[in-house]
Amino acid sequence: MTADCDPDDVIFPAIKLLTGSTFTQAFDITFLPGSGYLTNGADQQIVIKNSNDATVTKTITVGAYGNITSN
């Protein structure tokens, strides 16, 4: 996965979610040019698990307006 961001647009510093991560599902996220909003207009969730301990998971939510959060 590749994401390119203009450093001036980043609100919060990058954080490490899991040391070794594995995606548990396929996902396709498309952003509108210029705004960073999602093209489908709905939040999208991505579940990742720790590759060293499958019981440890994180859910990453990419918000419709480009905000990204994790549990």
PDB file of N, CA and C in Angstrom:
ATOM      1  N   MET A   1       0.847  -1.164   0.000  1.00  0.00           N
ATOM      2  CA  MET A   1       0.000   0.000   0.000  1.00  0.00           C
ATOM      3  C   MET A   1       0.892   1.225   0.000  1.00  0.00           C
ATOM      4  N   THR A   2       0.548   2.219  -0.774  1.00  0.00           N
ATOM      5  CA  THR A   2       1.312   3.455  -0.843  1.00  0.00           C
ATOM      6  C   THR A   2       0.378   4.634  -0.641  1.00  0.00           C
ATOM      7  N   ALA A   3       0.772   5.558   0.180  1.00  0.00           N
ATOM      8  CA  ALA A   3       0.011   6.794   0.369  1.00  0.00           C
ATOM      9  C   ALA A   3       0.985   7.953   0.332  1.00  0.00           C
ATOM     10  N   ASP A   4       0.711   8.895  -0.519  1.00  0.00           N
ATOM     11  CA  ASP A   4       1.546  10.089  -0.613  1.00  0.00           C
ATOM     12  C   ASP A   4       0.782  11.266  -0.021  1.00  0.00           C
ATOM     13  N   CYS A   5       1.413  11.973   0.888  1.00  0.00           N
ATOM     14  CA  CYS A   5       0.777  13.120   1.527  1.00  0.00           C
ATOM     15  C   CYS A   5       1.705  14.316   1.462  1.00  0.00           C
ATOM     16  N   ASP A   6       1.125  15.473   1.311  1.00  0.00           N
ATOM     17  CA  ASP A   6       1.886  16.712   1.408  1.00  0.00           C
ATOM     18  C   ASP A   6       2.118  16.950   2.899  1.00  0.00           C
ATOM     19  N   PRO A   7       3.359  17.026   3.360  1.00  0.00           N
ATOM     20  CA  PRO A   7       3.622  17.199   4.794  1.00  0.00           C
ATOM     21  C   PRO A   7       2.881  18.379   5.415  1.00  0.00           C
ATOM     22  N   ASP A   8       2.560  19.399   4.643  1.00  0.00           N
ATOM     23  CA  ASP A   8       1.826  20.540   5.186  1.00  0.00           C
ATOM     24  C   ASP A   8       0.379  20.188   5.511  1.00  0.00           C
ATOM     25  N   ASP A   9      -0.142  19.101   4.931  1.00  0.00           N
ATOM     26  CA  ASP A   9      -1.530  18.715   5.158  1.00  0.00           C
ATOM     27  C   ASP A   9      -1.699  17.715   6.297  1.00  0.00           C
ATOM     28  N   VAL A  10      -0.614  17.223   6.871  1.00  0.00           N
ATOM     29  CA  VAL A  10      -0.691  16.214   7.926  1.00  0.00           C
ATOM     30  C   VAL A  10      -0.930  16.909   9.258  1.00  0.00           C
ATOM     31  N   ILE A  11      -2.038  16.535   9.926  1.00  0.00           N
ATOM     32  CA  ILE A  11      -2.397  17.174  11.193  1.00  0.00           C
ATOM     33  C   ILE A  11      -1.657  16.523  12.354  1.00  0.00           C
ATOM     34  N   PHE A  12      -1.648  15.201  12.400  1.00  0.00           N
ATOM     35  CA  PHE A  12      -1.025  14.481  13.503  1.00  0.00           C
ATOM     36  C   PHE A  12       0.210  13.745  13.004  1.00  0.00           C
ATOM     37  N   PRO A  13       1.202  13.544  13.860  1.00  0.00           N
ATOM     38  CA  PRO A  13       2.390  12.792  13.433  1.00  0.00           C
ATOM     39  C   PRO A  13       2.038  11.324  13.197  1.00  0.00           C
ATOM     40  N   ALA A  14       2.836  10.647  12.397  1.00  0.00           N
ATOM     41  CA  ALA A  14       2.610   9.221  12.127  1.00  0.00           C
ATOM     42  C   ALA A  14       2.805   8.422  13.405  1.00  0.00           C
ATOM     43  N   ILE A  15       2.010   7.367  13.574  1.00  0.00           N
ATOM     44  CA  ILE A  15       2.163   6.470  14.716  1.00  0.00           C
ATOM     45  C   ILE A  15       2.261   5.042  14.205  1.00  0.00           C
ATOM     46  N   LYS A  16       2.973   4.201  14.953  1.00  0.00           N
ATOM     47  CA  LYS A  16       3.083   2.791  14.588  1.00  0.00           C
ATOM     48  C   LYS A  16       1.866   2.069  15.151  1.00  0.00           C
ATOM     49  N   LEU A  17       1.127   1.378  14.288  1.00  0.00           N
ATOM     50  CA  LEU A  17      -0.069   0.671  14.730  1.00  0.00           C
ATOM     51  C   LEU A  17       0.280  -0.688  15.304  1.00  0.00           C
ATOM     52  N   LEU A  18       0.998  -1.476  14.562  1.00  0.00           N
ATOM     53  CA  LEU A  18       1.473  -2.777  15.011  1.00  0.00           C
ATOM     54  C   LEU A  18       2.865  -2.961  14.435  1.00  0.00           C
ATOM     55  N   THR A  19       3.735  -3.654  15.166  1.00  0.00           N
ATOM     56  CA  THR A  19       5.103  -3.846  14.692  1.00  0.00           C
ATOM     57  C   THR A  19       5.133  -4.674  13.413  1.00  0.00           C
ATOM     58  N   GLY A  20       4.405  -5.772  13.383  1.00  0.00           N
ATOM     59  CA  GLY A  20       4.300  -6.610  12.182  1.00  0.00           C
ATOM     60  C   GLY A  20       2.835  -6.801  11.876  1.00  0.00           C
ATOM     61  N   SER A  21       2.370  -6.288  10.758  1.00  0.00           N
ATOM     62  CA  SER A  21       0.940  -6.300  10.461  1.00  0.00           C
ATOM     63  C   SER A  21       0.611  -7.135   9.236  1.00  0.00           C
ATOM     64  N   THR A  22      -0.579  -7.738   9.272  1.00  0.00           N
ATOM     65  CA  THR A  22      -1.108  -8.494   8.149  1.00  0.00           C
ATOM     66  C   THR A  22      -2.519  -8.003   7.880  1.00  0.00           C
ATOM     67  N   PHE A  23      -2.818  -7.656   6.619  1.00  0.00           N
ATOM     68  CA  PHE A  23      -4.178  -7.266   6.277  1.00  0.00           C
ATOM     69  C   PHE A  23      -5.041  -8.514   6.245  1.00  0.00           C
ATOM     70  N   THR A  24      -6.264  -8.438   6.804  1.00  0.00           N
ATOM     71  CA  THR A  24      -7.149  -9.598   6.867  1.00  0.00           C
ATOM     72  C   THR A  24      -8.184  -9.605   5.753  1.00  0.00           C
ATOM     73  N   GLN A  25      -8.250  -8.544   4.963  1.00  0.00           N
ATOM     74  CA  GLN A  25      -9.223  -8.468   3.877  1.00  0.00           C
ATOM     75  C   GLN A  25      -8.686  -7.558   2.783  1.00  0.00           C
ATOM     76  N   ALA A  26      -9.165  -7.787   1.587  1.00  0.00           N
ATOM     77  CA  ALA A  26      -8.787  -6.898   0.482  1.00  0.00           C
ATOM     78  C   ALA A  26      -9.569  -5.595   0.622  1.00  0.00           C
ATOM     79  N   PHE A  27      -8.963  -4.484   0.208  1.00  0.00           N
ATOM     80  CA  PHE A  27      -9.684  -3.218   0.243  1.00  0.00           C
ATOM     81  C   PHE A  27      -9.236  -2.340  -0.918  1.00  0.00           C
ATOM     82  N   ASP A  28     -10.154  -1.482  -1.324  1.00  0.00           N
ATOM     83  CA  ASP A  28      -9.882  -0.544  -2.413  1.00  0.00           C
ATOM     84  C   ASP A  28     -10.432   0.804  -1.982  1.00  0.00           C
ATOM     85  N   ILE A  29      -9.556   1.759  -1.776  1.00  0.00           N
ATOM     86  CA  ILE A  29      -9.964   3.086  -1.331  1.00  0.00           C
ATOM     87  C   ILE A  29      -9.532   4.094  -2.392  1.00  0.00           C
ATOM     88  N   THR A  30     -10.489   4.884  -2.846  1.00  0.00           N
ATOM     89  CA  THR A  30     -10.193   5.900  -3.852  1.00  0.00           C
ATOM     90  C   THR A  30     -10.582   7.269  -3.301  1.00  0.00           C
ATOM     91  N   PHE A  31      -9.634   8.201  -3.394  1.00  0.00           N
ATOM     92  CA  PHE A  31      -9.862   9.552  -2.898  1.00  0.00           C
ATOM     93  C   PHE A  31     -10.151  10.501  -4.054  1.00  0.00           C
ATOM     94  N   LEU A  32     -11.015  11.477  -3.805  1.00  0.00           N
ATOM     95  CA  LEU A  32     -11.294  12.503  -4.807  1.00  0.00           C
ATOM     96  C   LEU A  32     -10.090  13.432  -4.921  1.00  0.00           C
ATOM     97  N   PRO A  33      -9.705  13.787  -6.130  1.00  0.00           N
ATOM     98  CA  PRO A  33      -8.557  14.684  -6.291  1.00  0.00           C
ATOM     99  C   PRO A  33      -8.838  16.055  -5.672  1.00  0.00           C
ATOM    100  N   GLY A  34      -7.840  16.579  -4.996  1.00  0.00           N
ATOM    101  CA  GLY A  34      -7.940  17.924  -4.443  1.00  0.00           C
ATOM    102  C   GLY A  34      -8.561  18.020  -3.071  1.00  0.00           C
ATOM    103  N   SER A  35      -9.506  17.129  -2.737  1.00  0.00           N
ATOM    104  CA  SER A  35     -10.190  17.238  -1.445  1.00  0.00           C
ATOM    105  C   SER A  35      -9.722  16.201  -0.438  1.00  0.00           C
ATOM    106  N   GLY A  36      -9.326  15.022  -0.907  1.00  0.00           N
ATOM    107  CA  GLY A  36      -8.961  13.944   0.000  1.00  0.00           C
ATOM    108  C   GLY A  36     -10.155  13.174   0.530  1.00  0.00           C
ATOM    109  N   TYR A  37     -11.370  13.523   0.097  1.00  0.00           N
ATOM    110  CA  TYR A  37     -12.567  12.804   0.516  1.00  0.00           C
ATOM    111  C   TYR A  37     -12.651  11.477  -0.237  1.00  0.00           C
ATOM    112  N   LEU A  38     -13.340  10.505   0.355  1.00  0.00           N
ATOM    113  CA  LEU A  38     -13.528   9.223  -0.321  1.00  0.00           C
ATOM    114  C   LEU A  38     -14.568   9.366  -1.429  1.00  0.00           C
ATOM    115  N   THR A  39     -14.321   8.698  -2.550  1.00  0.00           N
ATOM    116  CA  THR A  39     -15.237   8.821  -3.690  1.00  0.00           C
ATOM    117  C   THR A  39     -16.612   8.230  -3.402  1.00  0.00           C
ATOM    118  N   ASN A  40     -16.689   7.193  -2.561  1.00  0.00           N
ATOM    119  CA  ASN A  40     -17.993   6.575  -2.302  1.00  0.00           C
ATOM    120  C   ASN A  40     -18.769   7.290  -1.197  1.00  0.00           C
ATOM    121  N   GLY A  41     -18.157   8.268  -0.516  1.00  0.00           N
ATOM    122  CA  GLY A  41     -18.860   9.064   0.484  1.00  0.00           C
ATOM    123  C   GLY A  41     -19.151   8.358   1.792  1.00  0.00           C
ATOM    124  N   ALA A  42     -18.564   7.190   2.025  1.00  0.00           N
ATOM    125  CA  ALA A  42     -18.827   6.445   3.258  1.00  0.00           C
ATOM    126  C   ALA A  42     -17.514   6.034   3.923  1.00  0.00           C
ATOM    127  N   ASP A  43     -17.534   5.970   5.264  1.00  0.00           N
ATOM    128  CA  ASP A  43     -16.363   5.489   5.996  1.00  0.00           C
ATOM    129  C   ASP A  43     -16.025   4.075   5.541  1.00  0.00           C
ATOM    130  N   GLN A  44     -14.738   3.741   5.565  1.00  0.00           N
ATOM    131  CA  GLN A  44     -14.301   2.401   5.207  1.00  0.00           C
ATOM    132  C   GLN A  44     -13.397   1.864   6.305  1.00  0.00           C
ATOM    133  N   GLN A  45     -13.642   0.617   6.730  1.00  0.00           N
ATOM    134  CA  GLN A  45     -12.832   0.003   7.775  1.00  0.00           C
ATOM    135  C   GLN A  45     -11.881  -1.027   7.191  1.00  0.00           C
ATOM    136  N   ILE A  46     -10.667  -1.055   7.741  1.00  0.00           N
ATOM    137  CA  ILE A  46      -9.642  -2.017   7.347  1.00  0.00           C
ATOM    138  C   ILE A  46      -9.170  -2.699   8.623  1.00  0.00           C
ATOM    139  N   VAL A  47      -9.226  -4.027   8.657  1.00  0.00           N
ATOM    140  CA  VAL A  47      -8.773  -4.774   9.829  1.00  0.00           C
ATOM    141  C   VAL A  47      -7.384  -5.328   9.547  1.00  0.00           C
ATOM    142  N   ILE A  48      -6.468  -5.094  10.482  1.00  0.00           N
ATOM    143  CA  ILE A  48      -5.130  -5.679  10.392  1.00  0.00           C
ATOM    144  C   ILE A  48      -4.895  -6.494  11.646  1.00  0.00           C
ATOM    145  N   LYS A  49      -4.061  -7.527  11.524  1.00  0.00           N
ATOM    146  CA  LYS A  49      -3.721  -8.327  12.703  1.00  0.00           C
ATOM    147  C   LYS A  49      -2.212  -8.372  12.846  1.00  0.00           C
ATOM    148  N   ASN A  50      -1.773  -8.612  14.061  1.00  0.00           N
ATOM    149  CA  ASN A  50      -0.353  -8.715  14.353  1.00  0.00           C
ATOM    150  C   ASN A  50       0.151 -10.025  13.777  1.00  0.00           C
ATOM    151  N   SER A  51       1.191  -9.969  12.958  1.00  0.00           N
ATOM    152  CA  SER A  51       1.698 -11.190  12.325  1.00  0.00           C
ATOM    153  C   SER A  51       2.367 -12.125  13.326  1.00  0.00           C
ATOM    154  N   ASN A  52       2.689 -11.630  14.524  1.00  0.00           N
ATOM    155  CA  ASN A  52       3.292 -12.479  15.561  1.00  0.00           C
ATOM    156  C   ASN A  52       2.264 -13.041  16.528  1.00  0.00           C
ATOM    157  N   ASP A  53       1.079 -12.430  16.596  1.00  0.00           N
ATOM    158  CA  ASP A  53       0.027 -12.869  17.508  1.00  0.00           C
ATOM    159  C   ASP A  53      -1.315 -12.540  16.864  1.00  0.00           C
ATOM    160  N   ALA A  54      -1.940 -13.520  16.238  1.00  0.00           N
ATOM    161  CA  ALA A  54      -3.169 -13.307  15.467  1.00  0.00           C
ATOM    162  C   ALA A  54      -4.340 -12.832  16.320  1.00  0.00           C
ATOM    163  N   THR A  55      -4.234 -12.931  17.646  1.00  0.00           N
ATOM    164  CA  THR A  55      -5.324 -12.459  18.498  1.00  0.00           C
ATOM    165  C   THR A  55      -5.296 -10.941  18.672  1.00  0.00           C
ATOM    166  N   VAL A  56      -4.194 -10.308  18.288  1.00  0.00           N
ATOM    167  CA  VAL A  56      -4.069  -8.853  18.402  1.00  0.00           C
ATOM    168  C   VAL A  56      -4.444  -8.229  17.063  1.00  0.00           C
ATOM    169  N   THR A  57      -5.529  -7.460  17.060  1.00  0.00           N
ATOM    170  CA  THR A  57      -5.985  -6.817  15.829  1.00  0.00           C
ATOM    171  C   THR A  57      -6.197  -5.323  16.054  1.00  0.00           C
ATOM    172  N   LYS A  58      -6.228  -4.597  14.964  1.00  0.00           N
ATOM    173  CA  LYS A  58      -6.565  -3.171  14.959  1.00  0.00           C
ATOM    174  C   LYS A  58      -7.540  -2.946  13.816  1.00  0.00           C
ATOM    175  N   THR A  59      -8.498  -2.084  14.048  1.00  0.00           N
ATOM    176  CA  THR A  59      -9.411  -1.672  12.992  1.00  0.00           C
ATOM    177  C   THR A  59      -9.082  -0.233  12.637  1.00  0.00           C
ATOM    178  N   ILE A  60      -8.710  -0.027  11.402  1.00  0.00           N
ATOM    179  CA  ILE A  60      -8.391   1.302  10.895  1.00  0.00           C
ATOM    180  C   ILE A  60      -9.619   1.807  10.151  1.00  0.00           C
ATOM    181  N   THR A  61     -10.110   2.977  10.516  1.00  0.00           N
ATOM    182  CA  THR A  61     -11.251   3.569   9.829  1.00  0.00           C
ATOM    183  C   THR A  61     -10.776   4.757   9.014  1.00  0.00           C
ATOM    184  N   VAL A  62     -11.007   4.678   7.713  1.00  0.00           N
ATOM    185  CA  VAL A  62     -10.735   5.806   6.822  1.00  0.00           C
ATOM    186  C   VAL A  62     -12.074   6.505   6.640  1.00  0.00           C
ATOM    187  N   GLY A  63     -12.179   7.700   7.204  1.00  0.00           N
ATOM    188  CA  GLY A  63     -13.436   8.437   7.174  1.00  0.00           C
ATOM    189  C   GLY A  63     -13.750   8.999   5.798  1.00  0.00           C
ATOM    190  N   ALA A  64     -15.024   9.221   5.556  1.00  0.00           N
ATOM    191  CA  ALA A  64     -15.486   9.748   4.269  1.00  0.00           C
ATOM    192  C   ALA A  64     -14.816  11.066   3.911  1.00  0.00           C
ATOM    193  N   TYR A  65     -14.383  11.811   4.926  1.00  0.00           N
ATOM    194  CA  TYR A  65     -13.755  13.114   4.680  1.00  0.00           C
ATOM    195  C   TYR A  65     -12.240  13.062   4.834  1.00  0.00           C
ATOM    196  N   GLY A  66     -11.666  11.840   4.751  1.00  0.00           N
ATOM    197  CA  GLY A  66     -10.212  11.687   4.731  1.00  0.00           C
ATOM    198  C   GLY A  66      -9.551  11.539   6.080  1.00  0.00           C
ATOM    199  N   ASN A  67     -10.317  11.603   7.179  1.00  0.00           N
ATOM    200  CA  ASN A  67      -9.707  11.403   8.491  1.00  0.00           C
ATOM    201  C   ASN A  67      -9.496   9.914   8.739  1.00  0.00           C
ATOM    202  N   ILE A  68      -8.391   9.571   9.386  1.00  0.00           N
ATOM    203  CA  ILE A  68      -8.053   8.171   9.635  1.00  0.00           C
ATOM    204  C   ILE A  68      -7.899   7.969  11.133  1.00  0.00           C
ATOM    205  N   THR A  69      -8.607   6.957  11.677  1.00  0.00           N
ATOM    206  CA  THR A  69      -8.540   6.646  13.105  1.00  0.00           C
ATOM    207  C   THR A  69      -8.313   5.154  13.285  1.00  0.00           C
ATOM    208  N   SER A  70      -7.888   4.758  14.479  1.00  0.00           N
ATOM    209  CA  SER A  70      -7.739   3.333  14.795  1.00  0.00           C
ATOM    210  C   SER A  70      -8.254   3.084  16.194  1.00  0.00           C
ATOM    211  N   ASN A  71      -8.630   1.813  16.461  1.00  0.00           N
ATOM    212  CA  ASN A  71      -9.100   1.460  17.799  1.00  0.00           C
ATOM    213  C   ASN A  71      -7.941   1.151  18.698  1.00  0.00           C
TER     214      ASN A  71
END
